[in-house]
Amino acid sequence: MPKSRVRKKGDYTPPPRATTGKAAISGRWVAPTMVALLLLGLAWIVVYYVSSGTLPIEAVSWWNLVIGFGFIFGGLMVATRWK
């Protein structure tokens, strides 16, 4: 019985990437906004604890923590746009 030939596979070359011609960069506002939101959230929480709950807004009591963490969360969301 005749022996079948072994076929060689060609080397794999990945398809070329589609480029837009310009590297994606973040806007100039991203880094300052991120840092400002993170520091504002941290300062809000620190002021709340140091003042024993009377500052920044006494009427909302423990919701001051939610506001501070909201600023921090906003800073983290802006950080995802930073390239």
Protein backbone atom coordinates (compact mmCIF):
# COMPACT_ATOMS: atom_id res chain seq x y z
CA MET A 1 0.00 0.00 0.00
CA PRO A 2 1.46 3.43 -0.91
CA LYS A 3 2.38 5.79 1.88
CA SER A 4 0.60 9.17 1.93
CA ARG A 5 2.59 12.35 1.66
CA VAL A 6 3.05 14.59 4.67
CA ARG A 7 1.80 18.09 4.01
CA LYS A 8 3.59 20.97 5.63
CA LYS A 9 1.55 23.76 7.14
CA GLY A 10 2.68 27.30 6.47
CA ASP A 11 3.92 29.38 9.37
CA TYR A 12 1.19 31.39 11.05
CA THR A 13 1.43 35.11 10.55
CA PRO A 14 -1.13 37.20 12.41
CA PRO A 15 -3.14 39.69 10.39
CA PRO A 16 -1.90 43.29 10.52
CA ARG A 17 -3.50 45.55 13.11
CA ALA A 18 -5.77 48.28 11.95
CA THR A 19 -4.30 51.57 13.10
CA THR A 20 -5.94 54.94 13.11
CA GLY A 21 -2.62 56.67 12.67
CA LYS A 22 -2.78 58.44 16.03
CA ALA A 23 -2.06 56.86 19.38
CA ALA A 24 -4.95 57.08 21.81
CA ILE A 25 -4.12 59.50 24.58
CA SER A 26 -6.25 60.84 27.37
CA GLY A 27 -7.34 64.43 27.59
CA ARG A 28 -5.40 66.94 29.63
CA TRP A 29 -8.26 67.13 32.13
CA VAL A 30 -8.15 63.47 33.17
CA ALA A 31 -5.14 63.40 35.51
CA PRO A 32 -5.93 66.64 37.40
CA THR A 33 -9.59 65.66 37.79
CA MET A 34 -8.66 62.21 39.04
CA VAL A 35 -6.21 63.55 41.63
CA ALA A 36 -8.64 66.29 42.72
CA LEU A 37 -11.52 63.85 43.25
CA LEU A 38 -9.36 61.37 45.16
CA LEU A 39 -7.93 64.06 47.44
CA LEU A 40 -11.32 65.71 47.93
CA GLY A 41 -12.87 62.41 48.98
CA LEU A 42 -10.00 61.68 51.36
CA ALA A 43 -10.16 65.18 52.85
CA TRP A 44 -13.95 64.93 53.26
CA ILE A 45 -13.67 61.69 55.25
CA VAL A 46 -10.74 62.94 57.35
CA VAL A 47 -12.56 66.18 58.22
CA TYR A 48 -15.66 64.18 59.18
CA TYR A 49 -13.69 61.98 61.57
CA VAL A 50 -11.52 64.74 63.04
CA SER A 51 -14.53 66.97 63.74
CA SER A 52 -16.44 64.06 65.36
CA GLY A 53 -19.23 64.34 62.82
CA THR A 54 -19.94 68.08 63.06
CA LEU A 55 -18.22 68.99 59.78
CA PRO A 56 -18.42 69.13 56.68
CA ILE A 57 -22.26 68.89 56.79
CA GLU A 58 -23.67 68.15 60.23
CA ALA A 59 -27.26 67.62 59.02
CA VAL A 60 -26.46 64.54 56.95
CA SER A 61 -24.49 62.77 59.76
CA TRP A 62 -22.98 59.48 58.57
CA TRP A 63 -23.92 60.20 54.94
CA ASN A 64 -20.75 62.30 54.95
CA LEU A 65 -18.88 59.01 54.61
CA VAL A 66 -20.95 58.08 51.57
CA ILE A 67 -20.23 61.48 50.03
CA GLY A 68 -16.47 61.08 50.68
CA PHE A 69 -16.38 57.59 49.24
CA GLY A 70 -18.47 58.83 46.31
CA PHE A 71 -15.74 61.35 45.48
CA ILE A 72 -13.12 58.61 45.75
CA PHE A 73 -15.18 56.31 43.54
CA GLY A 74 -15.55 59.12 41.00
CA GLY A 75 -11.77 59.56 41.02
CA LEU A 76 -11.30 55.87 40.36
CA MET A 77 -13.79 55.97 37.48
CA VAL A 78 -11.91 58.90 35.94
CA ALA A 79 -8.66 56.94 36.42
CA THR A 80 -9.93 54.29 34.01
CA ARG A 81 -9.79 56.91 31.21
CA TRP A 82 -6.13 57.74 31.91
CA LYS A 83 -3.70 56.40 29.32
